[in-house]
PDB file of N, CA and C in Angstrom:
ATOM      1  N   UNK A   1      94.023  93.122  90.713  1.00  0.00           N
ATOM      2  CA  UNK A   1      93.011  92.853  89.711  1.00  0.00           C
ATOM      3  C   UNK A   1      92.755  91.353  89.705  1.00  0.00           C
ATOM      4  N   UNK A   2      91.488  91.002  89.900  1.00  0.00           N
ATOM      5  CA  UNK A   2      91.086  89.596  89.919  1.00  0.00           C
ATOM      6  C   UNK A   2      89.893  89.414  89.002  1.00  0.00           C
ATOM      7  N   UNK A   3      90.005  88.481  88.095  1.00  0.00           N
ATOM      8  CA  UNK A   3      88.856  88.144  87.256  1.00  0.00           C
ATOM      9  C   UNK A   3      88.085  87.021  87.932  1.00  0.00           C
ATOM     10  N   UNK A   4      86.772  87.076  87.817  1.00  0.00           N
ATOM     11  CA  UNK A   4      85.941  86.023  88.391  1.00  0.00           C
ATOM     12  C   UNK A   4      84.780  85.753  87.444  1.00  0.00           C
ATOM     13  N   UNK A   5      84.181  84.590  87.629  1.00  0.00           N
ATOM     14  CA  UNK A   5      83.088  84.152  86.764  1.00  0.00           C
ATOM     15  C   UNK A   5      82.281  83.100  87.510  1.00  0.00           C
ATOM     16  N   UNK A   6      81.281  82.548  86.859  1.00  0.00           N
ATOM     17  CA  UNK A   6      80.491  81.479  87.466  1.00  0.00           C
ATOM     18  C   UNK A   6      81.371  80.261  87.731  1.00  0.00           C
ATOM     19  N   UNK A   7      82.330  80.017  86.856  1.00  0.00           N
ATOM     20  CA  UNK A   7      83.244  78.876  87.020  1.00  0.00           C
ATOM     21  C   UNK A   7      84.347  79.158  88.040  1.00  0.00           C
ATOM     22  N   UNK A   8      84.700  80.408  88.212  1.00  0.00           N
ATOM     23  CA  UNK A   8      85.741  80.814  89.157  1.00  0.00           C
ATOM     24  C   UNK A   8      85.202  81.974  89.991  1.00  0.00           C
ATOM     25  N   UNK A   9      84.400  81.681  91.025  1.00  0.00           N
ATOM     26  CA  UNK A   9      83.711  82.744  91.785  1.00  0.00           C
ATOM     27  C   UNK A   9      84.672  83.599  92.613  1.00  0.00           C
ATOM     28  N   UNK A  10      84.219  84.810  92.889  1.00  0.00           N
ATOM     29  CA  UNK A  10      84.931  85.714  93.769  1.00  0.00           C
ATOM     30  C   UNK A  10      84.647  85.283  95.203  1.00  0.00           C
ATOM     31  N   UNK A  11      85.676  85.025  95.965  1.00  0.00           N
ATOM     32  CA  UNK A  11      85.516  84.560  97.342  1.00  0.00           C
ATOM     33  C   UNK A  11      85.694  85.750  98.274  1.00  0.00           C
ATOM     34  N   UNK A  12      84.681  86.033  99.064  1.00  0.00           N
ATOM     35  CA  UNK A  12      84.711  87.140 100.011  1.00  0.00           C
ATOM     36  C   UNK A  12      85.004  86.615 101.407  1.00  0.00           C
ATOM     37  N   UNK A  13      85.813  87.361 102.146  1.00  0.00           N
ATOM     38  CA  UNK A  13      86.144  86.997 103.520  1.00  0.00           C
ATOM     39  C   UNK A  13      85.179  87.686 104.473  1.00  0.00           C
ATOM     40  N   UNK A  14      84.904  87.048 105.583  1.00  0.00           N
ATOM     41  CA  UNK A  14      84.051  87.653 106.605  1.00  0.00           C
ATOM     42  C   UNK A  14      84.788  88.816 107.264  1.00  0.00           C
ATOM     43  N   UNK A  15      84.049  89.845 107.595  1.00  0.00           N
ATOM     44  CA  UNK A  15      84.631  91.015 108.262  1.00  0.00           C
ATOM     45  C   UNK A  15      84.419  90.912 109.763  1.00  0.00           C
ATOM     46  N   UNK A  16      85.313  91.530 110.515  1.00  0.00           N
ATOM     47  CA  UNK A  16      85.171  91.594 111.954  1.00  0.00           C
ATOM     48  C   UNK A  16      84.436  92.868 112.351  1.00  0.00           C
ATOM     49  N   UNK A  17      84.509  93.214 113.613  1.00  0.00           N
ATOM     50  CA  UNK A  17      83.809  94.408 114.089  1.00  0.00           C
ATOM     51  C   UNK A  17      84.605  95.694 113.853  1.00  0.00           C
ATOM     52  N   UNK A  18      85.893  95.584 113.547  1.00  0.00           N
ATOM     53  CA  UNK A  18      86.713  96.784 113.364  1.00  0.00           C
ATOM     54  C   UNK A  18      87.340  96.872 111.974  1.00  0.00           C
ATOM     55  N   UNK A  19      86.930  96.017 111.072  1.00  0.00           N
ATOM     56  CA  UNK A  19      87.481  96.081 109.720  1.00  0.00           C
ATOM     57  C   UNK A  19      86.376  95.851 108.691  1.00  0.00           C
ATOM     58  N   UNK A  20      86.685  96.141 107.464  1.00  0.00           N
ATOM     59  CA  UNK A  20      85.758  95.872 106.380  1.00  0.00           C
ATOM     60  C   UNK A  20      86.550  95.750 105.087  1.00  0.00           C
ATOM     61  N   UNK A  21      85.877  95.292 104.055  1.00  0.00           N
ATOM     62  CA  UNK A  21      86.492  95.153 102.746  1.00  0.00           C
ATOM     63  C   UNK A  21      85.649  95.922 101.740  1.00  0.00           C
ATOM     64  N   UNK A  22      86.322  96.571 100.804  1.00  0.00           N
ATOM     65  CA  UNK A  22      85.634  97.321  99.763  1.00  0.00           C
ATOM     66  C   UNK A  22      86.107  96.783  98.422  1.00  0.00           C
ATOM     67  N   UNK A  23      85.165  96.326  97.617  1.00  0.00           N
ATOM     68  CA  UNK A  23      85.474  95.789  96.300  1.00  0.00           C
ATOM     69  C   UNK A  23      84.912  96.717  95.234  1.00  0.00           C
ATOM     70  N   UNK A  24      85.690  96.941  94.195  1.00  0.00           N
ATOM     71  CA  UNK A  24      85.199  97.658  93.019  1.00  0.00           C
ATOM     72  C   UNK A  24      84.980  96.622  91.938  1.00  0.00           C
ATOM     73  N   UNK A  25      83.743  96.478  91.517  1.00  0.00           N
ATOM     74  CA  UNK A  25      83.395  95.517  90.479  1.00  0.00           C
ATOM     75  C   UNK A  25      83.247  96.302  89.178  1.00  0.00           C
ATOM     76  N   UNK A  26      84.051  95.972  88.187  1.00  0.00           N
ATOM     77  CA  UNK A  26      84.080  96.723  86.942  1.00  0.00           C
ATOM     78  C   UNK A  26      83.783  95.806  85.762  1.00  0.00           C
ATOM     79  N   UNK A  27      82.908  96.233  84.869  1.00  0.00           N
ATOM     80  CA  UNK A  27      82.589  95.399  83.700  1.00  0.00           C
ATOM     81  C   UNK A  27      83.701  95.448  82.657  1.00  0.00           C
ATOM     82  N   UNK A  28      83.901  94.333  81.992  1.00  0.00           N
ATOM     83  CA  UNK A  28      84.834  94.270  80.871  1.00  0.00           C
ATOM     84  C   UNK A  28      83.995  94.211  79.608  1.00  0.00           C
ATOM     85  N   UNK A  29      84.164  95.199  78.747  1.00  0.00           N
ATOM     86  CA  UNK A  29      83.390  95.287  77.511  1.00  0.00           C
ATOM     87  C   UNK A  29      84.294  95.075  76.315  1.00  0.00           C
ATOM     88  N   UNK A  30      83.870  94.266  75.379  1.00  0.00           N
ATOM     89  CA  UNK A  30      84.627  94.062  74.145  1.00  0.00           C
ATOM     90  C   UNK A  30      84.696  95.342  73.322  1.00  0.00           C
ATOM     91  N   UNK A  31      83.769  96.266  73.555  1.00  0.00           N
ATOM     92  CA  UNK A  31      83.732  97.515  72.787  1.00  0.00           C
ATOM     93  C   UNK A  31      84.883  98.460  73.132  1.00  0.00           C
ATOM     94  N   UNK A  32      85.553  98.236  74.251  1.00  0.00           N
ATOM     95  CA  UNK A  32      86.576  99.178  74.691  1.00  0.00           C
ATOM     96  C   UNK A  32      87.993  98.660  74.496  1.00  0.00           C
ATOM     97  N   UNK A  33      88.178  97.677  73.616  1.00  0.00           N
ATOM     98  CA  UNK A  33      89.502  97.279  73.145  1.00  0.00           C
ATOM     99  C   UNK A  33      90.496  97.010  74.280  1.00  0.00           C
ATOM    100  N   UNK A  34      90.101  96.208  75.214  1.00  0.00           N
ATOM    101  CA  UNK A  34      90.919  95.706  76.329  1.00  0.00           C
ATOM    102  C   UNK A  34      91.183  96.726  77.436  1.00  0.00           C
ATOM    103  N   UNK A  35      90.381  97.795  77.524  1.00  0.00           N
ATOM    104  CA  UNK A  35      90.532  98.762  78.613  1.00  0.00           C
ATOM    105  C   UNK A  35      89.300  98.781  79.499  1.00  0.00           C
ATOM    106  N   UNK A  36      89.526  98.948  80.797  1.00  0.00           N
ATOM    107  CA  UNK A  36      88.460  99.152  81.775  1.00  0.00           C
ATOM    108  C   UNK A  36      88.784 100.439  82.525  1.00  0.00           C
ATOM    109  N   UNK A  37      87.789 101.295  82.682  1.00  0.00           N
ATOM    110  CA  UNK A  37      87.980 102.538  83.411  1.00  0.00           C
ATOM    111  C   UNK A  37      87.671 102.308  84.884  1.00  0.00           C
ATOM    112  N   UNK A  38      88.635 102.546  85.743  1.00  0.00           N
ATOM    113  CA  UNK A  38      88.479 102.360  87.187  1.00  0.00           C
ATOM    114  C   UNK A  38      87.902 103.614  87.829  1.00  0.00           C
ATOM    115  N   UNK A  39      88.332 104.784  87.362  1.00  0.00           N
ATOM    116  CA  UNK A  39      87.871 106.040  87.938  1.00  0.00           C
ATOM    117  C   UNK A  39      88.895 106.622  88.884  1.00  0.00           C
ATOM    118  N   UNK A  40      88.431 107.512  89.761  1.00  0.00           N
ATOM    119  CA  UNK A  40      89.325 108.180  90.704  1.00  0.00           C
ATOM    120  C   UNK A  40      89.785 107.193  91.768  1.00  0.00           C
ATOM    121  N   UNK A  41      91.084 107.053  91.892  1.00  0.00           N
ATOM    122  CA  UNK A  41      91.653 106.058  92.804  1.00  0.00           C
ATOM    123  C   UNK A  41      91.658 106.507  94.257  1.00  0.00           C
ATOM    124  N   UNK A  42      91.392 107.777  94.512  1.00  0.00           N
ATOM    125  CA  UNK A  42      91.402 108.282  95.885  1.00  0.00           C
ATOM    126  C   UNK A  42      90.001 108.416  96.464  1.00  0.00           C
ATOM    127  N   UNK A  43      88.996 107.959  95.758  1.00  0.00           N
ATOM    128  CA  UNK A  43      87.604 108.115  96.193  1.00  0.00           C
ATOM    129  C   UNK A  43      86.984 106.757  96.529  1.00  0.00           C
ATOM    130  N   UNK A  44      86.034 106.764  97.459  1.00  0.00           N
ATOM    131  CA  UNK A  44      85.286 105.549  97.786  1.00  0.00           C
ATOM    132  C   UNK A  44      84.474 105.106  96.570  1.00  0.00           C
ATOM    133  N   UNK A  45      83.857 106.066  95.911  1.00  0.00           N
ATOM    134  CA  UNK A  45      83.126 105.804  94.671  1.00  0.00           C
ATOM    135  C   UNK A  45      83.941 106.441  93.553  1.00  0.00           C
ATOM    136  N   UNK A  46      84.577 105.622  92.734  1.00  0.00           N
ATOM    137  CA  UNK A  46      85.534 106.120  91.760  1.00  0.00           C
ATOM    138  C   UNK A  46      84.951 106.768  90.522  1.00  0.00           C
ATOM    139  N   UNK A  47      83.709 106.413  90.169  1.00  0.00           N
ATOM    140  CA  UNK A  47      83.113 106.937  88.935  1.00  0.00           C
ATOM    141  C   UNK A  47      81.756 107.536  89.246  1.00  0.00           C
ATOM    142  N   UNK A  48      81.554 108.757  88.789  1.00  0.00           N
ATOM    143  CA  UNK A  48      80.294 109.465  88.953  1.00  0.00           C
ATOM    144  C   UNK A  48      79.994 110.209  87.664  1.00  0.00           C
ATOM    145  N   UNK A  49      78.723 110.245  87.264  1.00  0.00           N
ATOM    146  CA  UNK A  49      78.378 110.997  86.058  1.00  0.00           C
ATOM    147  C   UNK A  49      78.464 112.509  86.299  1.00  0.00           C
ATOM    148  N   UNK A  50      78.650 112.921  87.539  1.00  0.00           N
ATOM    149  CA  UNK A  50      78.891 114.333  87.829  1.00  0.00           C
ATOM    150  C   UNK A  50      80.333 114.698  87.440  1.00  0.00           C
ATOM    151  N   UNK A  51      81.260 113.788  87.642  1.00  0.00           N
ATOM    152  CA  UNK A  51      82.682 114.018  87.344  1.00  0.00           C
ATOM    153  C   UNK A  51      83.041 113.637  85.901  1.00  0.00           C
ATOM    154  N   UNK A  52      82.547 112.483  85.442  1.00  0.00           N
ATOM    155  CA  UNK A  52      82.914 111.949  84.130  1.00  0.00           C
ATOM    156  C   UNK A  52      81.673 111.870  83.251  1.00  0.00           C
ATOM    157  N   UNK A  53      81.755 112.480  82.053  1.00  0.00           N
ATOM    158  CA  UNK A  53      80.561 112.506  81.214  1.00  0.00           C
ATOM    159  C   UNK A  53      80.709 111.765  79.900  1.00  0.00           C
ATOM    160  N   UNK A  54      81.906 111.439  79.480  1.00  0.00           N
ATOM    161  CA  UNK A  54      82.109 110.737  78.208  1.00  0.00           C
ATOM    162  C   UNK A  54      83.287 109.788  78.327  1.00  0.00           C
ATOM    163  N   UNK A  55      83.239 108.738  77.512  1.00  0.00           N
ATOM    164  CA  UNK A  55      84.307 107.743  77.495  1.00  0.00           C
ATOM    165  C   UNK A  55      84.355 107.171  76.090  1.00  0.00           C
ATOM    166  N   UNK A  56      85.565 107.011  75.536  1.00  0.00           N
ATOM    167  CA  UNK A  56      85.695 106.365  74.231  1.00  0.00           C
ATOM    168  C   UNK A  56      87.076 105.731  74.107  1.00  0.00           C
ATOM    169  N   UNK A  57      87.284 105.013  73.012  1.00  0.00           N
ATOM    170  CA  UNK A  57      88.580 104.417  72.704  1.00  0.00           C
ATOM    171  C   UNK A  57      89.002 104.899  71.322  1.00  0.00           C
ATOM    172  N   UNK A  58      90.201 105.486  71.260  1.00  0.00           N
ATOM    173  CA  UNK A  58      90.766 105.969  70.011  1.00  0.00           C
ATOM    174  C   UNK A  58      92.209 105.481  69.933  1.00  0.00           C
ATOM    175  N   UNK A  59      92.574 104.891  68.806  1.00  0.00           N
ATOM    176  CA  UNK A  59      93.946 104.398  68.609  1.00  0.00           C
ATOM    177  C   UNK A  59      94.405 103.497  69.760  1.00  0.00           C
ATOM    178  N   UNK A  60      93.543 102.598  70.180  1.00  0.00           N
ATOM    179  CA  UNK A  60      93.831 101.606  71.216  1.00  0.00           C
ATOM    180  C   UNK A  60      94.067 102.209  72.601  1.00  0.00           C
ATOM    181  N   UNK A  61      93.626 103.449  72.813  1.00  0.00           N
ATOM    182  CA  UNK A  61      93.723 104.077  74.124  1.00  0.00           C
ATOM    183  C   UNK A  61      92.345 104.525  74.569  1.00  0.00           C
ATOM    184  N   UNK A  62      92.038 104.324  75.851  1.00  0.00           N
ATOM    185  CA  UNK A  62      90.769 104.791  76.400  1.00  0.00           C
ATOM    186  C   UNK A  62      90.928 106.232  76.840  1.00  0.00           C
ATOM    187  N   UNK A  63      89.883 107.052  76.582  1.00  0.00           N
ATOM    188  CA  UNK A  63      89.876 108.453  76.999  1.00  0.00           C
ATOM    189  C   UNK A  63      88.582 108.732  77.754  1.00  0.00           C
ATOM    190  N   UNK A  64      88.690 109.551  78.798  1.00  0.00           N
ATOM    191  CA  UNK A  64      87.505 109.988  79.540  1.00  0.00           C
ATOM    192  C   UNK A  64      87.530 111.504  79.661  1.00  0.00           C
ATOM    193  N   UNK A  65      86.331 112.089  79.669  1.00  0.00           N
ATOM    194  CA  UNK A  65      86.170 113.536  79.808  1.00  0.00           C
ATOM    195  C   UNK A  65      85.762 113.802  81.245  1.00  0.00           C
ATOM    196  N   UNK A  66      86.581 114.591  81.946  1.00  0.00           N
ATOM    197  CA  UNK A  66      86.330 114.887  83.359  1.00  0.00           C
ATOM    198  C   UNK A  66      86.107 116.383  83.542  1.00  0.00           C
ATOM    199  N   UNK A  67      85.256 116.723  84.518  1.00  0.00           N
ATOM    200  CA  UNK A  67      84.997 118.123  84.852  1.00  0.00           C
ATOM    201  C   UNK A  67      85.219 118.342  86.346  1.00  0.00           C
ATOM    202  N   UNK A  68      85.461 119.594  86.699  1.00  0.00           N
ATOM    203  CA  UNK A  68      85.660 119.948  88.096  1.00  0.00           C
ATOM    204  C   UNK A  68      86.230 121.344  88.198  1.00  0.00           C
ATOM    205  N   UNK A  69      86.559 121.750  89.418  1.00  0.00           N
ATOM    206  CA  UNK A  69      87.132 123.087  89.621  1.00  0.00           C
ATOM    207  C   UNK A  69      88.520 123.191  88.985  1.00  0.00           C
ATOM    208  N   UNK A  70      88.799 124.326  88.368  1.00  0.00           N
ATOM    209  CA  UNK A  70      90.117 124.553  87.772  1.00  0.00           C
ATOM    210  C   UNK A  70      91.220 124.296  88.785  1.00  0.00           C
ATOM    211  N   UNK A  71      92.292 123.679  88.341  1.00  0.00           N
ATOM    212  CA  UNK A  71      93.499 123.366  89.122  1.00  0.00           C
ATOM    213  C   UNK A  71      93.341 122.158  90.043  1.00  0.00           C
ATOM    214  N   UNK A  72      92.174 121.513  90.069  1.00  0.00           N
ATOM    215  CA  UNK A  72      92.027 120.313  90.899  1.00  0.00           C
ATOM    216  C   UNK A  72      92.816 119.169  90.280  1.00  0.00           C
ATOM    217  N   UNK A  73      93.558 118.449  91.120  1.00  0.00           N
ATOM    218  CA  UNK A  73      94.356 117.318  90.663  1.00  0.00           C
ATOM    219  C   UNK A  73      93.533 116.031  90.778  1.00  0.00           C
ATOM    220  N   UNK A  74      93.526 115.234  89.704  1.00  0.00           N
ATOM    221  CA  UNK A  74      92.809 113.959  89.685  1.00  0.00           C
ATOM    222  C   UNK A  74      93.801 112.816  89.498  1.00  0.00           C
ATOM    223  N   UNK A  75      93.612 111.745  90.257  1.00  0.00           N
ATOM    224  CA  UNK A  75      94.359 110.507  90.070  1.00  0.00           C
ATOM    225  C   UNK A  75      93.355 109.466  89.621  1.00  0.00           C
ATOM    226  N   UNK A  76      93.457 109.041  88.375  1.00  0.00           N
ATOM    227  CA  UNK A  76      92.503 108.060  87.842  1.00  0.00           C
ATOM    228  C   UNK A  76      93.236 106.799  87.408  1.00  0.00           C
ATOM    229  N   UNK A  77      92.469 105.724  87.317  1.00  0.00           N
ATOM    230  CA  UNK A  77      93.044 104.455  86.926  1.00  0.00           C
ATOM    231  C   UNK A  77      92.320 103.825  85.748  1.00  0.00           C
ATOM    232  N   UNK A  78      93.089 103.106  84.957  1.00  0.00           N
ATOM    233  CA  UNK A  78      92.598 102.290  83.865  1.00  0.00           C
ATOM    234  C   UNK A  78      93.216 100.908  84.042  1.00  0.00           C
ATOM    235  N   UNK A  79      92.503  99.861  83.650  1.00  0.00           N
ATOM    236  CA  UNK A  79      93.080  98.522  83.664  1.00  0.00           C
ATOM    237  C   UNK A  79      93.213  98.050  82.231  1.00  0.00           C
ATOM    238  N   UNK A  80      94.422  97.605  81.893  1.00  0.00           N
ATOM    239  CA  UNK A  80      94.658  96.982  80.603  1.00  0.00           C
ATOM    240  C   UNK A  80      94.339  95.501  80.789  1.00  0.00           C
ATOM    241  N   UNK A  81      93.235  95.045  80.224  1.00  0.00           N
ATOM    242  CA  UNK A  81      92.783  93.676  80.473  1.00  0.00           C
ATOM    243  C   UNK A  81      93.618  92.622  79.752  1.00  0.00           C
ATOM    244  N   UNK A  82      94.497  93.047  78.845  1.00  0.00           N
ATOM    245  CA  UNK A  82      95.363  92.067  78.180  1.00  0.00           C
ATOM    246  C   UNK A  82      96.471  91.575  79.112  1.00  0.00           C
ATOM    247  N   UNK A  83      96.827  92.400  80.122  1.00  0.00           N
ATOM    248  CA  UNK A  83      97.881  91.990  81.064  1.00  0.00           C
ATOM    249  C   UNK A  83      97.512  92.260  82.523  1.00  0.00           C
ATOM    250  N   UNK A  84      96.269  92.728  82.781  1.00  0.00           N
ATOM    251  CA  UNK A  84      95.771  93.032  84.134  1.00  0.00           C
ATOM    252  C   UNK A  84      96.580  94.102  84.864  1.00  0.00           C
ATOM    253  N   UNK A  85      97.251  94.964  84.127  1.00  0.00           N
ATOM    254  CA  UNK A  85      98.023  96.036  84.740  1.00  0.00           C
ATOM    255  C   UNK A  85      97.155  97.275  84.929  1.00  0.00           C
ATOM    256  N   UNK A  86      97.303  97.893  86.103  1.00  0.00           N
ATOM    257  CA  UNK A  86      96.602  99.146  86.384  1.00  0.00           C
ATOM    258  C   UNK A  86      97.497 100.302  85.960  1.00  0.00           C
ATOM    259  N   UNK A  87      96.948 101.176  85.133  1.00  0.00           N
ATOM    260  CA  UNK A  87      97.656 102.379  84.690  1.00  0.00           C
ATOM    261  C   UNK A  87      97.097 103.545  85.487  1.00  0.00           C
ATOM    262  N   UNK A  88      97.960 104.245  86.207  1.00  0.00           N
ATOM    263  CA  UNK A  88      97.552 105.407  86.986  1.00  0.00           C
ATOM    264  C   UNK A  88      97.957 106.672  86.245  1.00  0.00           C
ATOM    265  N   UNK A  89      97.023 107.621  86.163  1.00  0.00           N
ATOM    266  CA  UNK A  89      97.285 108.877  85.458  1.00  0.00           C
ATOM    267  C   UNK A  89      96.899 110.032  86.379  1.00  0.00           C
ATOM    268  N   UNK A  90      97.786 111.004  86.510  1.00  0.00           N
ATOM    269  CA  UNK A  90      97.504 112.221  87.267  1.00  0.00           C
ATOM    270  C   UNK A  90      97.299 113.355  86.275  1.00  0.00           C
ATOM    271  N   UNK A  91      96.170 114.028  86.374  1.00  0.00           N
ATOM    272  CA  UNK A  91      95.868 115.180  85.518  1.00  0.00           C
ATOM    273  C   UNK A  91      95.331 116.310  86.382  1.00  0.00           C
ATOM    274  N   UNK A  92      95.454 117.513  85.868  1.00  0.00           N
ATOM    275  CA  UNK A  92      94.935 118.700  86.533  1.00  0.00           C
ATOM    276  C   UNK A  92      93.814 119.274  85.675  1.00  0.00           C
ATOM    277  N   UNK A  93      92.685 119.587  86.318  1.00  0.00           N
ATOM    278  CA  UNK A  93      91.567 120.200  85.609  1.00  0.00           C
ATOM    279  C   UNK A  93      92.030 121.540  85.045  1.00  0.00           C
ATOM    280  N   UNK A  94      91.738 121.782  83.781  1.00  0.00           N
ATOM    281  CA  UNK A  94      92.148 123.002  83.099  1.00  0.00           C
ATOM    282  C   UNK A  94      91.318 124.204  83.560  1.00  0.00           C
ATOM    283  N   UNK A  95      91.720 125.383  83.130  1.00  0.00           N
ATOM    284  CA  UNK A  95      91.034 126.614  83.523  1.00  0.00           C
ATOM    285  C   UNK A  95      89.587 126.657  83.034  1.00  0.00           C
ATOM    286  N   UNK A  96      89.262 125.875  81.984  1.00  0.00           N
ATOM    287  CA  UNK A  96      87.882 125.829  81.487  1.00  0.00           C
ATOM    288  C   UNK A  96      87.006 124.849  82.276  1.00  0.00           C
ATOM    289  N   UNK A  97      87.581 124.194  83.308  1.00  0.00           N
ATOM    290  CA  UNK A  97      86.813 123.291  84.158  1.00  0.00           C
ATOM    291  C   UNK A  97      86.713 121.879  83.640  1.00  0.00           C
ATOM    292  N   UNK A  98      87.583 121.496  82.701  1.00  0.00           N
ATOM    293  CA  UNK A  98      87.523 120.131  82.167  1.00  0.00           C
ATOM    294  C   UNK A  98      88.902 119.656  81.733  1.00  0.00           C
ATOM    295  N   UNK A  99      89.009 118.350  81.485  1.00  0.00           N
ATOM    296  CA  UNK A  99      90.236 117.746  80.966  1.00  0.00           C
ATOM    297  C   UNK A  99      89.877 116.389  80.366  1.00  0.00           C
ATOM    298  N   UNK A 100      90.587 116.009  79.313  1.00  0.00           N
ATOM    299  CA  UNK A 100      90.463 114.662  78.753  1.00  0.00           C
ATOM    300  C   UNK A 100      91.656 113.863  79.262  1.00  0.00           C
ATOM    301  N   UNK A 101      91.370 112.742  79.904  1.00  0.00           N
ATOM    302  CA  UNK A 101      92.402 111.894  80.500  1.00  0.00           C
ATOM    303  C   UNK A 101      92.476 110.613  79.681  1.00  0.00           C
ATOM    304  N   UNK A 102      93.685 110.243  79.278  1.00  0.00           N
ATOM    305  CA  UNK A 102      93.870 109.071  78.429  1.00  0.00           C
ATOM    306  C   UNK A 102      94.677 107.994  79.138  1.00  0.00           C
ATOM    307  N   UNK A 103      94.404 106.745  78.780  1.00  0.00           N
ATOM    308  CA  UNK A 103      95.132 105.618  79.374  1.00  0.00           C
ATOM    309  C   UNK A 103      96.597 105.604  78.955  1.00  0.00           C
ATOM    310  N   UNK A 104      96.990 106.431  77.981  1.00  0.00           N
ATOM    311  CA  UNK A 104      98.408 106.533  77.625  1.00  0.00           C
ATOM    312  C   UNK A 104      99.151 107.516  78.537  1.00  0.00           C
ATOM    313  N   UNK A 105      98.417 108.122  79.501  1.00  0.00           N
ATOM    314  CA  UNK A 105      99.029 109.033  80.458  1.00  0.00           C
ATOM    315  C   UNK A 105      98.900 110.499  80.101  1.00  0.00           C
ATOM    316  N   UNK A 106      98.277 110.798  78.970  1.00  0.00           N
ATOM    317  CA  UNK A 106      98.173 112.193  78.551  1.00  0.00           C
ATOM    318  C   UNK A 106      96.929 112.872  79.130  1.00  0.00           C
ATOM    319  N   UNK A 107      97.036 114.194  79.234  1.00  0.00           N
ATOM    320  CA  UNK A 107      95.942 115.046  79.709  1.00  0.00           C
ATOM    321  C   UNK A 107      95.827 116.184  78.697  1.00  0.00           C
ATOM    322  N   UNK A 108      94.638 116.333  78.087  1.00  0.00           N
ATOM    323  CA  UNK A 108      94.489 117.315  77.021  1.00  0.00           C
ATOM    324  C   UNK A 108      93.190 118.101  77.181  1.00  0.00           C
ATOM    325  N   UNK A 109      93.104 119.206  76.456  1.00  0.00           N
ATOM    326  CA  UNK A 109      91.883 119.992  76.355  1.00  0.00           C
ATOM    327  C   UNK A 109      91.004 119.419  75.254  1.00  0.00           C
ATOM    328  N   UNK A 110      89.764 119.866  75.204  1.00  0.00           N
ATOM    329  CA  UNK A 110      88.876 119.474  74.129  1.00  0.00           C
ATOM    330  C   UNK A 110      87.631 118.784  74.631  1.00  0.00           C
ATOM    331  N   UNK A 111      87.001 118.054  73.749  1.00  0.00           N
ATOM    332  CA  UNK A 111      85.796 117.308  74.121  1.00  0.00           C
ATOM    333  C   UNK A 111      85.811 115.963  73.420  1.00  0.00           C
ATOM    334  N   UNK A 112      85.022 115.056  73.945  1.00  0.00           N
ATOM    335  CA  UNK A 112      84.916 113.714  73.360  1.00  0.00           C
ATOM    336  C   UNK A 112      83.555 113.616  72.706  1.00  0.00           C
TER     337      UNK A 112
END
């Protein structure tokens, strides 16, 4: 996790013919109480409105609503911006085709 700004720019390295670099640029919002949602850690594109439809913060924890085929395993990430730590959470899509994933590591039924 690297923070950058106009005063401290993100420095990109040149790529060769057999390598490349992939950066995920994520916004930090004051509305989300020091959490940033990274999305699925095993995907090239971690966040899609097809997979994730809602996001909120309750009791200082970020929660996202995910959908997909029942029994599918998801590995998602959250960044705690107070210490730049990445929190990884593994959840399984429930039989109803959805799951709520929280930055505290919990996976629950319901809606946001």
